[in-house]
Amino acid sequence: MNKIQRRKAHLIIHSAASAAAGVGAGMAQDATVLLPIQTAMVIALGKVFHIKLEEGAAKALATQFLAQKAGQMTARFLAGKLPVAGNIVNGSTAAAITESYGWMIAREFGEEYEKKVKV
């Protein structure tokens, strides 16, 4: 991943994580709302690395689903233990999941891009 790609990925990922935090805090991490945010993030990252979504879509969506479920379980557990801070926990968890997911996808797409460039 070159510097320009890293900067673009940084902006895309942090924007998506911020949106996810806002949604997560207000809607208790409703996956139906987080899914479009994270899907748009993956599409935008694909464009940065000149990768058509078909190439990584199945793997990306499966990973996204698993990450969301793990985060939801963690957030629900913690929110139940800390009812006053539940929205903060949900928002922080949604942002953290989206951030880590975004960088995981960026690294994967970056590796695919490097393979194409070397060939």
PDB file of N, CA and C in Angstrom:
ATOM      1  N   MET A   1       0.853  -1.167   0.000  1.00  0.00           N
ATOM      2  CA  MET A   1       0.000   0.000   0.000  1.00  0.00           C
ATOM      3  C   MET A   1       0.901   1.231   0.000  1.00  0.00           C
ATOM      4  N   ASN A   2       0.700   2.080  -0.996  1.00  0.00           N
ATOM      5  CA  ASN A   2       1.525   3.278  -1.055  1.00  0.00           C
ATOM      6  C   ASN A   2       0.936   4.387  -0.165  1.00  0.00           C
ATOM      7  N   LYS A   3       1.644   5.510  -0.073  1.00  0.00           N
ATOM      8  CA  LYS A   3       1.227   6.584   0.837  1.00  0.00           C
ATOM      9  C   LYS A   3      -0.121   7.180   0.455  1.00  0.00           C
ATOM     10  N   ILE A   4      -0.354   7.351  -0.818  1.00  0.00           N
ATOM     11  CA  ILE A   4      -1.623   7.924  -1.270  1.00  0.00           C
ATOM     12  C   ILE A   4      -2.775   6.978  -0.931  1.00  0.00           C
ATOM     13  N   GLN A   5      -2.591   5.698  -1.190  1.00  0.00           N
ATOM     14  CA  GLN A   5      -3.621   4.721  -0.860  1.00  0.00           C
ATOM     15  C   GLN A   5      -3.870   4.680   0.651  1.00  0.00           C
ATOM     16  N   ARG A   6      -2.813   4.754   1.428  1.00  0.00           N
ATOM     17  CA  ARG A   6      -2.950   4.737   2.892  1.00  0.00           C
ATOM     18  C   ARG A   6      -3.749   5.955   3.371  1.00  0.00           C
ATOM     19  N   ARG A   7      -3.457   7.129   2.805  1.00  0.00           N
ATOM     20  CA  ARG A   7      -4.192   8.338   3.204  1.00  0.00           C
ATOM     21  C   ARG A   7      -5.669   8.235   2.838  1.00  0.00           C
ATOM     22  N   LYS A   8      -5.944   7.754   1.636  1.00  0.00           N
ATOM     23  CA  LYS A   8      -7.336   7.599   1.214  1.00  0.00           C
ATOM     24  C   LYS A   8      -8.054   6.559   2.079  1.00  0.00           C
ATOM     25  N   ALA A   9      -7.375   5.453   2.356  1.00  0.00           N
ATOM     26  CA  ALA A   9      -7.960   4.412   3.202  1.00  0.00           C
ATOM     27  C   ALA A   9      -8.231   4.963   4.600  1.00  0.00           C
ATOM     28  N   HIS A  10      -7.296   5.738   5.120  1.00  0.00           N
ATOM     29  CA  HIS A  10      -7.436   6.350   6.443  1.00  0.00           C
ATOM     30  C   HIS A  10      -8.714   7.195   6.503  1.00  0.00           C
ATOM     31  N   LEU A  11      -8.921   8.034   5.515  1.00  0.00           N
ATOM     32  CA  LEU A  11     -10.098   8.896   5.478  1.00  0.00           C
ATOM     33  C   LEU A  11     -11.386   8.075   5.379  1.00  0.00           C
ATOM     34  N   ILE A  12     -11.389   7.096   4.505  1.00  0.00           N
ATOM     35  CA  ILE A  12     -12.572   6.257   4.321  1.00  0.00           C
ATOM     36  C   ILE A  12     -12.903   5.494   5.600  1.00  0.00           C
ATOM     37  N   ILE A  13     -11.901   4.878   6.183  1.00  0.00           N
ATOM     38  CA  ILE A  13     -12.116   4.041   7.368  1.00  0.00           C
ATOM     39  C   ILE A  13     -12.543   4.880   8.569  1.00  0.00           C
ATOM     40  N   HIS A  14     -11.886   6.003   8.798  1.00  0.00           N
ATOM     41  CA  HIS A  14     -12.246   6.839   9.946  1.00  0.00           C
ATOM     42  C   HIS A  14     -13.626   7.466   9.773  1.00  0.00           C
ATOM     43  N   SER A  15     -13.983   7.808   8.553  1.00  0.00           N
ATOM     44  CA  SER A  15     -15.327   8.345   8.306  1.00  0.00           C
ATOM     45  C   SER A  15     -16.384   7.286   8.603  1.00  0.00           C
ATOM     46  N   ALA A  16     -16.147   6.068   8.145  1.00  0.00           N
ATOM     47  CA  ALA A  16     -17.096   4.984   8.395  1.00  0.00           C
ATOM     48  C   ALA A  16     -17.178   4.653   9.883  1.00  0.00           C
ATOM     49  N   ALA A  17     -16.035   4.656  10.569  1.00  0.00           N
ATOM     50  CA  ALA A  17     -16.020   4.367  12.002  1.00  0.00           C
ATOM     51  C   ALA A  17     -16.770   5.443  12.782  1.00  0.00           C
ATOM     52  N   SER A  18     -16.622   6.698  12.374  1.00  0.00           N
ATOM     53  CA  SER A  18     -17.353   7.786  13.034  1.00  0.00           C
ATOM     54  C   SER A  18     -18.851   7.644  12.827  1.00  0.00           C
ATOM     55  N   ALA A  19     -19.239   7.308  11.609  1.00  0.00           N
ATOM     56  CA  ALA A  19     -20.664   7.086  11.339  1.00  0.00           C
ATOM     57  C   ALA A  19     -21.190   5.911  12.153  1.00  0.00           C
ATOM     58  N   ALA A  20     -20.405   4.844  12.223  1.00  0.00           N
ATOM     59  CA  ALA A  20     -20.815   3.663  12.990  1.00  0.00           C
ATOM     60  C   ALA A  20     -20.934   3.990  14.474  1.00  0.00           C
ATOM     61  N   ALA A  21     -20.049   4.827  14.990  1.00  0.00           N
ATOM     62  CA  ALA A  21     -20.118   5.215  16.406  1.00  0.00           C
ATOM     63  C   ALA A  21     -21.411   5.962  16.688  1.00  0.00           C
ATOM     64  N   GLY A  22     -21.763   6.882  15.806  1.00  0.00           N
ATOM     65  CA  GLY A  22     -23.004   7.631  15.984  1.00  0.00           C
ATOM     66  C   GLY A  22     -24.229   6.741  15.930  1.00  0.00           C
ATOM     67  N   VAL A  23     -24.237   5.850  14.976  1.00  0.00           N
ATOM     68  CA  VAL A  23     -25.355   4.920  14.832  1.00  0.00           C
ATOM     69  C   VAL A  23     -25.376   3.943  15.997  1.00  0.00           C
ATOM     70  N   GLY A  24     -24.211   3.425  16.358  1.00  0.00           N
ATOM     71  CA  GLY A  24     -24.132   2.452  17.452  1.00  0.00           C
ATOM     72  C   GLY A  24     -24.580   3.029  18.774  1.00  0.00           C
ATOM     73  N   ALA A  25     -24.255   4.279  19.023  1.00  0.00           N
ATOM     74  CA  ALA A  25     -24.644   4.914  20.289  1.00  0.00           C
ATOM     75  C   ALA A  25     -26.149   5.136  20.344  1.00  0.00           C
ATOM     76  N   GLY A  26     -26.724   5.460  19.206  1.00  0.00           N
ATOM     77  CA  GLY A  26     -28.148   5.754  19.189  1.00  0.00           C
ATOM     78  C   GLY A  26     -29.052   4.561  18.967  1.00  0.00           C
ATOM     79  N   MET A  27     -28.550   3.514  18.340  1.00  0.00           N
ATOM     80  CA  MET A  27     -29.412   2.402  17.962  1.00  0.00           C
ATOM     81  C   MET A  27     -28.933   1.060  18.495  1.00  0.00           C
ATOM     82  N   ALA A  28     -28.085   1.059  19.466  1.00  0.00           N
ATOM     83  CA  ALA A  28     -27.614  -0.184  20.090  1.00  0.00           C
ATOM     84  C   ALA A  28     -27.045  -1.162  19.079  1.00  0.00           C
ATOM     85  N   GLN A  29     -26.256  -0.662  18.169  1.00  0.00           N
ATOM     86  CA  GLN A  29     -25.561  -1.480  17.177  1.00  0.00           C
ATOM     87  C   GLN A  29     -26.491  -2.316  16.325  1.00  0.00           C
ATOM     88  N   ASP A  30     -27.509  -1.712  15.802  1.00  0.00           N
ATOM     89  CA  ASP A  30     -28.426  -2.405  14.914  1.00  0.00           C
ATOM     90  C   ASP A  30     -27.664  -2.767  13.644  1.00  0.00           C
ATOM     91  N   ALA A  31     -27.487  -4.048  13.399  1.00  0.00           N
ATOM     92  CA  ALA A  31     -26.683  -4.512  12.264  1.00  0.00           C
ATOM     93  C   ALA A  31     -27.273  -4.062  10.934  1.00  0.00           C
ATOM     94  N   THR A  32     -28.581  -3.869  10.869  1.00  0.00           N
ATOM     95  CA  THR A  32     -29.183  -3.438   9.611  1.00  0.00           C
ATOM     96  C   THR A  32     -28.750  -2.028   9.247  1.00  0.00           C
ATOM     97  N   VAL A  33     -28.337  -1.241  10.216  1.00  0.00           N
ATOM     98  CA  VAL A  33     -27.853   0.109   9.948  1.00  0.00           C
ATOM     99  C   VAL A  33     -26.332   0.110   9.759  1.00  0.00           C
ATOM    100  N   LEU A  34     -25.620  -0.706  10.512  1.00  0.00           N
ATOM    101  CA  LEU A  34     -24.166  -0.772  10.375  1.00  0.00           C
ATOM    102  C   LEU A  34     -23.744  -1.435   9.063  1.00  0.00           C
ATOM    103  N   LEU A  35     -24.498  -2.398   8.605  1.00  0.00           N
ATOM    104  CA  LEU A  35     -24.133  -3.130   7.386  1.00  0.00           C
ATOM    105  C   LEU A  35     -23.947  -2.208   6.186  1.00  0.00           C
ATOM    106  N   PRO A  36     -24.880  -1.278   5.903  1.00  0.00           N
ATOM    107  CA  PRO A  36     -24.655  -0.380   4.756  1.00  0.00           C
ATOM    108  C   PRO A  36     -23.435   0.524   4.930  1.00  0.00           C
ATOM    109  N   ILE A  37     -23.168   0.955   6.148  1.00  0.00           N
ATOM    110  CA  ILE A  37     -21.993   1.806   6.395  1.00  0.00           C
ATOM    111  C   ILE A  37     -20.725   1.020   6.069  1.00  0.00           C
ATOM    112  N   GLN A  38     -20.640  -0.198   6.561  1.00  0.00           N
ATOM    113  CA  GLN A  38     -19.443  -1.002   6.342  1.00  0.00           C
ATOM    114  C   GLN A  38     -19.349  -1.481   4.894  1.00  0.00           C
ATOM    115  N   THR A  39     -20.476  -1.749   4.266  1.00  0.00           N
ATOM    116  CA  THR A  39     -20.459  -2.153   2.862  1.00  0.00           C
ATOM    117  C   THR A  39     -19.967  -1.001   1.986  1.00  0.00           C
ATOM    118  N   ALA A  40     -20.447   0.208   2.260  1.00  0.00           N
ATOM    119  CA  ALA A  40     -19.978   1.381   1.504  1.00  0.00           C
ATOM    120  C   ALA A  40     -18.481   1.589   1.710  1.00  0.00           C
ATOM    121  N   MET A  41     -18.013   1.325   2.920  1.00  0.00           N
ATOM    122  CA  MET A  41     -16.586   1.444   3.215  1.00  0.00           C
ATOM    123  C   MET A  41     -15.791   0.454   2.353  1.00  0.00           C
ATOM    124  N   VAL A  42     -16.250  -0.782   2.273  1.00  0.00           N
ATOM    125  CA  VAL A  42     -15.549  -1.800   1.485  1.00  0.00           C
ATOM    126  C   VAL A  42     -15.537  -1.418   0.010  1.00  0.00           C
ATOM    127  N   ILE A  43     -16.648  -0.928  -0.496  1.00  0.00           N
ATOM    128  CA  ILE A  43     -16.712  -0.507  -1.903  1.00  0.00           C
ATOM    129  C   ILE A  43     -15.724   0.627  -2.162  1.00  0.00           C
ATOM    130  N   ALA A  44     -15.699   1.608  -1.254  1.00  0.00           N
ATOM    131  CA  ALA A  44     -14.773   2.740  -1.420  1.00  0.00           C
ATOM    132  C   ALA A  44     -13.320   2.281  -1.346  1.00  0.00           C
ATOM    133  N   LEU A  45     -13.018   1.369  -0.429  1.00  0.00           N
ATOM    134  CA  LEU A  45     -11.650   0.842  -0.339  1.00  0.00           C
ATOM    135  C   LEU A  45     -11.283   0.073  -1.604  1.00  0.00           C
ATOM    136  N   GLY A  46     -12.214  -0.663  -2.144  1.00  0.00           N
ATOM    137  CA  GLY A  46     -11.963  -1.380  -3.394  1.00  0.00           C
ATOM    138  C   GLY A  46     -11.560  -0.432  -4.508  1.00  0.00           C
ATOM    139  N   LYS A  47     -12.228   0.711  -4.579  1.00  0.00           N
ATOM    140  CA  LYS A  47     -11.895   1.700  -5.611  1.00  0.00           C
ATOM    141  C   LYS A  47     -10.492   2.265  -5.417  1.00  0.00           C
ATOM    142  N   VAL A  48     -10.094   2.460  -4.173  1.00  0.00           N
ATOM    143  CA  VAL A  48      -8.752   2.977  -3.891  1.00  0.00           C
ATOM    144  C   VAL A  48      -7.692   2.025  -4.429  1.00  0.00           C
ATOM    145  N   PHE A  49      -7.941   0.730  -4.309  1.00  0.00           N
ATOM    146  CA  PHE A  49      -6.958  -0.276  -4.708  1.00  0.00           C
ATOM    147  C   PHE A  49      -7.258  -0.892  -6.075  1.00  0.00           C
ATOM    148  N   HIS A  50      -8.176  -0.278  -6.810  1.00  0.00           N
ATOM    149  CA  HIS A  50      -8.531  -0.737  -8.161  1.00  0.00           C
ATOM    150  C   HIS A  50      -8.959  -2.202  -8.157  1.00  0.00           C
ATOM    151  N   ILE A  51      -9.760  -2.551  -7.165  1.00  0.00           N
ATOM    152  CA  ILE A  51     -10.241  -3.923  -7.047  1.00  0.00           C
ATOM    153  C   ILE A  51     -11.746  -3.916  -7.199  1.00  0.00           C
ATOM    154  N   LYS A  52     -12.219  -4.725  -8.131  1.00  0.00           N
ATOM    155  CA  LYS A  52     -13.657  -4.862  -8.302  1.00  0.00           C
ATOM    156  C   LYS A  52     -14.197  -5.611  -7.097  1.00  0.00           C
ATOM    157  N   LEU A  53     -15.350  -5.224  -6.661  1.00  0.00           N
ATOM    158  CA  LEU A  53     -15.922  -5.815  -5.455  1.00  0.00           C
ATOM    159  C   LEU A  53     -16.078  -7.322  -5.575  1.00  0.00           C
ATOM    160  N   GLU A  54     -16.292  -7.854  -6.760  1.00  0.00           N
ATOM    161  CA  GLU A  54     -16.477  -9.295  -6.926  1.00  0.00           C
ATOM    162  C   GLU A  54     -15.274 -10.094  -6.417  1.00  0.00           C
ATOM    163  N   GLU A  55     -14.095  -9.543  -6.537  1.00  0.00           N
ATOM    164  CA  GLU A  55     -12.881 -10.259  -6.157  1.00  0.00           C
ATOM    165  C   GLU A  55     -12.788 -10.550  -4.664  1.00  0.00           C
ATOM    166  N   GLY A  56     -13.260  -9.649  -3.854  1.00  0.00           N
ATOM    167  CA  GLY A  56     -13.125  -9.857  -2.421  1.00  0.00           C
ATOM    168  C   GLY A  56     -14.443  -9.836  -1.673  1.00  0.00           C
ATOM    169  N   ALA A  57     -15.549  -9.787  -2.396  1.00  0.00           N
ATOM    170  CA  ALA A  57     -16.841  -9.576  -1.752  1.00  0.00           C
ATOM    171  C   ALA A  57     -17.228 -10.700  -0.800  1.00  0.00           C
ATOM    172  N   ALA A  58     -17.100 -11.916  -1.225  1.00  0.00           N
ATOM    173  CA  ALA A  58     -17.543 -13.034  -0.385  1.00  0.00           C
ATOM    174  C   ALA A  58     -16.753 -13.083   0.922  1.00  0.00           C
ATOM    175  N   LYS A  59     -15.449 -12.968   0.811  1.00  0.00           N
ATOM    176  CA  LYS A  59     -14.601 -13.009   2.005  1.00  0.00           C
ATOM    177  C   LYS A  59     -14.869 -11.803   2.904  1.00  0.00           C
ATOM    178  N   ALA A  60     -15.012 -10.638   2.298  1.00  0.00           N
ATOM    179  CA  ALA A  60     -15.227  -9.420   3.075  1.00  0.00           C
ATOM    180  C   ALA A  60     -16.548  -9.451   3.823  1.00  0.00           C
ATOM    181  N   LEU A  61     -17.603  -9.854   3.156  1.00  0.00           N
ATOM    182  CA  LEU A  61     -18.913  -9.871   3.807  1.00  0.00           C
ATOM    183  C   LEU A  61     -18.980 -10.920   4.900  1.00  0.00           C
ATOM    184  N   ALA A  62     -18.352 -12.058   4.690  1.00  0.00           N
ATOM    185  CA  ALA A  62     -18.334 -13.093   5.735  1.00  0.00           C
ATOM    186  C   ALA A  62     -17.574 -12.602   6.954  1.00  0.00           C
ATOM    187  N   THR A  63     -16.450 -11.970   6.730  1.00  0.00           N
ATOM    188  CA  THR A  63     -15.652 -11.433   7.835  1.00  0.00           C
ATOM    189  C   THR A  63     -16.429 -10.352   8.562  1.00  0.00           C
ATOM    190  N   GLN A  64     -17.096  -9.511   7.807  1.00  0.00           N
ATOM    191  CA  GLN A  64     -17.885  -8.433   8.393  1.00  0.00           C
ATOM    192  C   GLN A  64     -18.977  -9.000   9.287  1.00  0.00           C
ATOM    193  N   PHE A  65     -19.654 -10.008   8.820  1.00  0.00           N
ATOM    194  CA  PHE A  65     -20.737 -10.605   9.611  1.00  0.00           C
ATOM    195  C   PHE A  65     -20.207 -11.149  10.926  1.00  0.00           C
ATOM    196  N   LEU A  66     -19.103 -11.876  10.868  1.00  0.00           N
ATOM    197  CA  LEU A  66     -18.541 -12.445  12.092  1.00  0.00           C
ATOM    198  C   LEU A  66     -18.064 -11.366  13.056  1.00  0.00           C
ATOM    199  N   ALA A  67     -17.440 -10.338  12.525  1.00  0.00           N
ATOM    200  CA  ALA A  67     -16.960  -9.250  13.379  1.00  0.00           C
ATOM    201  C   ALA A  67     -18.122  -8.524  14.048  1.00  0.00           C
ATOM    202  N   GLN A  68     -19.193  -8.311  13.301  1.00  0.00           N
ATOM    203  CA  GLN A  68     -20.350  -7.639  13.876  1.00  0.00           C
ATOM    204  C   GLN A  68     -20.966  -8.460  14.995  1.00  0.00           C
ATOM    205  N   LYS A  69     -21.095  -9.735  14.778  1.00  0.00           N
ATOM    206  CA  LYS A  69     -21.715 -10.584  15.800  1.00  0.00           C
ATOM    207  C   LYS A  69     -20.879 -10.609  17.077  1.00  0.00           C
ATOM    208  N   ALA A  70     -19.578 -10.705  16.925  1.00  0.00           N
ATOM    209  CA  ALA A  70     -18.707 -10.703  18.108  1.00  0.00           C
ATOM    210  C   ALA A  70     -18.819  -9.377  18.848  1.00  0.00           C
ATOM    211  N   GLY A  71     -18.837  -8.295  18.114  1.00  0.00           N
ATOM    212  CA  GLY A  71     -18.959  -6.986  18.730  1.00  0.00           C
ATOM    213  C   GLY A  71     -20.303  -6.782  19.398  1.00  0.00           C
ATOM    214  N   GLN A  72     -21.343  -7.249  18.765  1.00  0.00           N
ATOM    215  CA  GLN A  72     -22.676  -7.108  19.358  1.00  0.00           C
ATOM    216  C   GLN A  72     -22.775  -7.868  20.665  1.00  0.00           C
ATOM    217  N   MET A  73     -22.243  -9.071  20.695  1.00  0.00           N
ATOM    218  CA  MET A  73     -22.301  -9.850  21.929  1.00  0.00           C
ATOM    219  C   MET A  73     -21.523  -9.143  23.043  1.00  0.00           C
ATOM    220  N   THR A  74     -20.353  -8.632  22.708  1.00  0.00           N
ATOM    221  CA  THR A  74     -19.540  -7.916  23.694  1.00  0.00           C
ATOM    222  C   THR A  74     -20.273  -6.675  24.192  1.00  0.00           C
ATOM    223  N   ALA A  75     -20.825  -5.909  23.263  1.00  0.00           N
ATOM    224  CA  ALA A  75     -21.511  -4.673  23.644  1.00  0.00           C
ATOM    225  C   ALA A  75     -22.740  -4.963  24.494  1.00  0.00           C
ATOM    226  N   ARG A  76     -23.500  -5.965  24.122  1.00  0.00           N
ATOM    227  CA  ARG A  76     -24.700  -6.300  24.901  1.00  0.00           C
ATOM    228  C   ARG A  76     -24.332  -6.736  26.313  1.00  0.00           C
ATOM    229  N   PHE A  77     -23.290  -7.526  26.422  1.00  0.00           N
ATOM    230  CA  PHE A  77     -22.852  -7.965  27.743  1.00  0.00           C
ATOM    231  C   PHE A  77     -22.441  -6.768  28.595  1.00  0.00           C
ATOM    232  N   LEU A  78     -21.595  -5.909  28.027  1.00  0.00           N
ATOM    233  CA  LEU A  78     -21.111  -4.757  28.779  1.00  0.00           C
ATOM    234  C   LEU A  78     -22.214  -3.749  29.063  1.00  0.00           C
ATOM    235  N   ALA A  79     -23.098  -3.545  28.091  1.00  0.00           N
ATOM    236  CA  ALA A  79     -24.196  -2.598  28.303  1.00  0.00           C
ATOM    237  C   ALA A  79     -25.122  -3.089  29.400  1.00  0.00           C
ATOM    238  N   GLY A  80     -25.298  -4.385  29.499  1.00  0.00           N
ATOM    239  CA  GLY A  80     -26.122  -4.946  30.566  1.00  0.00           C
ATOM    240  C   GLY A  80     -25.482  -4.732  31.925  1.00  0.00           C
ATOM    241  N   LYS A  81     -24.183  -4.772  31.988  1.00  0.00           N
ATOM    242  CA  LYS A  81     -23.466  -4.563  33.245  1.00  0.00           C
ATOM    243  C   LYS A  81     -23.362  -3.087  33.601  1.00  0.00           C
ATOM    244  N   LEU A  82     -23.381  -2.230  32.575  1.00  0.00           N
ATOM    245  CA  LEU A  82     -23.244  -0.783  32.778  1.00  0.00           C
ATOM    246  C   LEU A  82     -24.402  -0.057  32.089  1.00  0.00           C
ATOM    247  N   PRO A  83     -25.605  -0.149  32.619  1.00  0.00           N
ATOM    248  CA  PRO A  83     -26.752   0.415  31.910  1.00  0.00           C
ATOM    249  C   PRO A  83     -26.662   1.918  31.646  1.00  0.00           C
ATOM    250  N   VAL A  84     -26.023   2.665  32.494  1.00  0.00           N
ATOM    251  CA  VAL A  84     -25.899   4.109  32.293  1.00  0.00           C
ATOM    252  C   VAL A  84     -24.970   4.408  31.117  1.00  0.00           C
ATOM    253  N   ALA A  85     -23.943   3.608  30.980  1.00  0.00           N
ATOM    254  CA  ALA A  85     -22.948   3.830  29.929  1.00  0.00           C
ATOM    255  C   ALA A  85     -23.186   2.964  28.699  1.00  0.00           C
ATOM    256  N   GLY A  86     -24.344   2.340  28.602  1.00  0.00           N
ATOM    257  CA  GLY A  86     -24.625   1.422  27.495  1.00  0.00           C
ATOM    258  C   GLY A  86     -24.459   2.034  26.123  1.00  0.00           C
ATOM    259  N   ASN A  87     -24.957   3.265  25.932  1.00  0.00           N
ATOM    260  CA  ASN A  87     -24.836   3.905  24.623  1.00  0.00           C
ATOM    261  C   ASN A  87     -23.381   4.198  24.275  1.00  0.00           C
ATOM    262  N   ILE A  88     -22.603   4.582  25.269  1.00  0.00           N
ATOM    263  CA  ILE A  88     -21.185   4.848  25.031  1.00  0.00           C
ATOM    264  C   ILE A  88     -20.471   3.555  24.635  1.00  0.00           C
ATOM    265  N   VAL A  89     -20.789   2.485  25.343  1.00  0.00           N
ATOM    266  CA  VAL A  89     -20.187   1.186  25.033  1.00  0.00           C
ATOM    267  C   VAL A  89     -20.588   0.740  23.634  1.00  0.00           C
ATOM    268  N   ASN A  90     -21.872   0.857  23.305  1.00  0.00           N
ATOM    269  CA  ASN A  90     -22.338   0.452  21.977  1.00  0.00           C
ATOM    270  C   ASN A  90     -21.682   1.270  20.870  1.00  0.00           C
ATOM    271  N   GLY A  91     -21.603   2.576  21.064  1.00  0.00           N
ATOM    272  CA  GLY A  91     -20.978   3.438  20.055  1.00  0.00           C
ATOM    273  C   GLY A  91     -19.499   3.147  19.890  1.00  0.00           C
ATOM    274  N   SER A  92     -18.813   2.976  21.000  1.00  0.00           N
ATOM    275  CA  SER A  92     -17.376   2.672  20.951  1.00  0.00           C
ATOM    276  C   SER A  92     -17.112   1.326  20.296  1.00  0.00           C
ATOM    277  N   THR A  93     -17.962   0.350  20.612  1.00  0.00           N
ATOM    278  CA  THR A  93     -17.792  -0.981  20.023  1.00  0.00           C
ATOM    279  C   THR A  93     -18.044  -0.943  18.525  1.00  0.00           C
ATOM    280  N   ALA A  94     -19.093  -0.238  18.105  1.00  0.00           N
ATOM    281  CA  ALA A  94     -19.389  -0.123  16.671  1.00  0.00           C
ATOM    282  C   ALA A  94     -18.237   0.542  15.934  1.00  0.00           C
ATOM    283  N   ALA A  95     -17.667   1.587  16.520  1.00  0.00           N
ATOM    284  CA  ALA A  95     -16.537   2.277  15.893  1.00  0.00           C
ATOM    285  C   ALA A  95     -15.315   1.376  15.830  1.00  0.00           C
ATOM    286  N   ALA A  96     -15.018   0.684  16.921  1.00  0.00           N
ATOM    287  CA  ALA A  96     -13.841  -0.191  16.960  1.00  0.00           C
ATOM    288  C   ALA A  96     -13.953  -1.331  15.962  1.00  0.00           C
ATOM    289  N   ILE A  97     -15.133  -1.926  15.866  1.00  0.00           N
ATOM    290  CA  ILE A  97     -15.341  -3.015  14.912  1.00  0.00           C
ATOM    291  C   ILE A  97     -15.153  -2.500  13.490  1.00  0.00           C
ATOM    292  N   THR A  98     -15.752  -1.352  13.186  1.00  0.00           N
ATOM    293  CA  THR A  98     -15.656  -0.793  11.838  1.00  0.00           C
ATOM    294  C   THR A  98     -14.221  -0.408  11.514  1.00  0.00           C
ATOM    295  N   GLU A  99     -13.528   0.190  12.461  1.00  0.00           N
ATOM    296  CA  GLU A  99     -12.129   0.587  12.260  1.00  0.00           C
ATOM    297  C   GLU A  99     -11.245  -0.635  11.985  1.00  0.00           C
ATOM    298  N   SER A 100     -11.337  -1.642  12.828  1.00  0.00           N
ATOM    299  CA  SER A 100     -10.483  -2.816  12.646  1.00  0.00           C
ATOM    300  C   SER A 100     -10.856  -3.568  11.369  1.00  0.00           C
ATOM    301  N   TYR A 101     -12.126  -3.655  11.091  1.00  0.00           N
ATOM    302  CA  TYR A 101     -12.587  -4.303   9.862  1.00  0.00           C
ATOM    303  C   TYR A 101     -12.070  -3.559   8.634  1.00  0.00           C
ATOM    304  N   GLY A 102     -12.145  -2.241   8.669  1.00  0.00           N
ATOM    305  CA  GLY A 102     -11.681  -1.439   7.538  1.00  0.00           C
ATOM    306  C   GLY A 102     -10.204  -1.627   7.256  1.00  0.00           C
ATOM    307  N   TRP A 103      -9.377  -1.629   8.318  1.00  0.00           N
ATOM    308  CA  TRP A 103      -7.936  -1.812   8.107  1.00  0.00           C
ATOM    309  C   TRP A 103      -7.617  -3.230   7.669  1.00  0.00           C
ATOM    310  N   MET A 104      -8.383  -4.194   8.128  1.00  0.00           N
ATOM    311  CA  MET A 104      -8.176  -5.567   7.680  1.00  0.00           C
ATOM    312  C   MET A 104      -8.454  -5.674   6.175  1.00  0.00           C
ATOM    313  N   ILE A 105      -9.540  -5.061   5.732  1.00  0.00           N
ATOM    314  CA  ILE A 105      -9.891  -5.078   4.312  1.00  0.00           C
ATOM    315  C   ILE A 105      -8.868  -4.281   3.509  1.00  0.00           C
ATOM    316  N   ALA A 106      -8.437  -3.139   4.029  1.00  0.00           N
ATOM    317  CA  ALA A 106      -7.441  -2.328   3.319  1.00  0.00           C
ATOM    318  C   ALA A 106      -6.145  -3.111   3.119  1.00  0.00           C
ATOM    319  N   ARG A 107      -5.714  -3.838   4.159  1.00  0.00           N
ATOM    320  CA  ARG A 107      -4.497  -4.655   4.017  1.00  0.00           C
ATOM    321  C   ARG A 107      -4.700  -5.757   2.974  1.00  0.00           C
ATOM    322  N   GLU A 108      -5.849  -6.399   3.025  1.00  0.00           N
ATOM    323  CA  GLU A 108      -6.140  -7.466   2.060  1.00  0.00           C
ATOM    324  C   GLU A 108      -6.172  -6.918   0.637  1.00  0.00           C
ATOM    325  N   PHE A 109      -6.867  -5.800   0.438  1.00  0.00           N
ATOM    326  CA  PHE A 109      -6.941  -5.191  -0.884  1.00  0.00           C
ATOM    327  C   PHE A 109      -5.565  -4.679  -1.319  1.00  0.00           C
ATOM    328  N   GLY A 110      -4.791  -4.159  -0.377  1.00  0.00           N
ATOM    329  CA  GLY A 110      -3.444  -3.693  -0.690  1.00  0.00           C
ATOM    330  C   GLY A 110      -2.553  -4.822  -1.177  1.00  0.00           C
ATOM    331  N   GLU A 111      -2.674  -5.986  -0.546  1.00  0.00           N
ATOM    332  CA  GLU A 111      -1.903  -7.150  -0.988  1.00  0.00           C
ATOM    333  C   GLU A 111      -2.328  -7.598  -2.369  1.00  0.00           C
ATOM    334  N   GLU A 112      -3.629  -7.583  -2.639  1.00  0.00           N
ATOM    335  CA  GLU A 112      -4.123  -7.945  -3.975  1.00  0.00           C
ATOM    336  C   GLU A 112      -3.620  -6.961  -5.020  1.00  0.00           C
ATOM    337  N   TYR A 113      -3.625  -5.697  -4.673  1.00  0.00           N
ATOM    338  CA  TYR A 113      -3.143  -4.656  -5.586  1.00  0.00           C
ATOM    339  C   TYR A 113      -1.660  -4.859  -5.899  1.00  0.00           C
ATOM    340  N   GLU A 114      -0.876  -5.146  -4.865  1.00  0.00           N
ATOM    341  CA  GLU A 114       0.560  -5.371  -5.051  1.00  0.00           C
ATOM    342  C   GLU A 114       0.812  -6.575  -5.967  1.00  0.00           C
ATOM    343  N   LYS A 115       0.039  -7.635  -5.802  1.00  0.00           N
ATOM    344  CA  LYS A 115       0.188  -8.819  -6.668  1.00  0.00           C
ATOM    345  C   LYS A 115      -0.091  -8.458  -8.121  1.00  0.00           C
ATOM    346  N   LYS A 116      -1.119  -7.661  -8.363  1.00  0.00           N
ATOM    347  CA  LYS A 116      -1.476  -7.267  -9.730  1.00  0.00           C
ATOM    348  C   LYS A 116      -0.394  -6.393 -10.345  1.00  0.00           C
ATOM    349  N   VAL A 117       0.163  -5.484  -9.548  1.00  0.00           N
ATOM    350  CA  VAL A 117       1.165  -4.551 -10.044  1.00  0.00           C
ATOM    351  C   VAL A 117       2.452  -5.285 -10.403  1.00  0.00           C
ATOM    352  N   LYS A 118       2.808  -6.299  -9.616  1.00  0.00           N
ATOM    353  CA  LYS A 118       4.048  -7.051  -9.857  1.00  0.00           C
ATOM    354  C   LYS A 118       3.947  -7.968 -11.062  1.00  0.00           C
ATOM    355  N   VAL A 119       2.734  -8.374 -11.412  1.00  0.00           N
ATOM    356  CA  VAL A 119       2.575  -9.318 -12.531  1.00  0.00           C
ATOM    357  C   VAL A 119       2.706  -8.633 -13.847  1.00  0.00           C
TER     358      VAL A 119
END
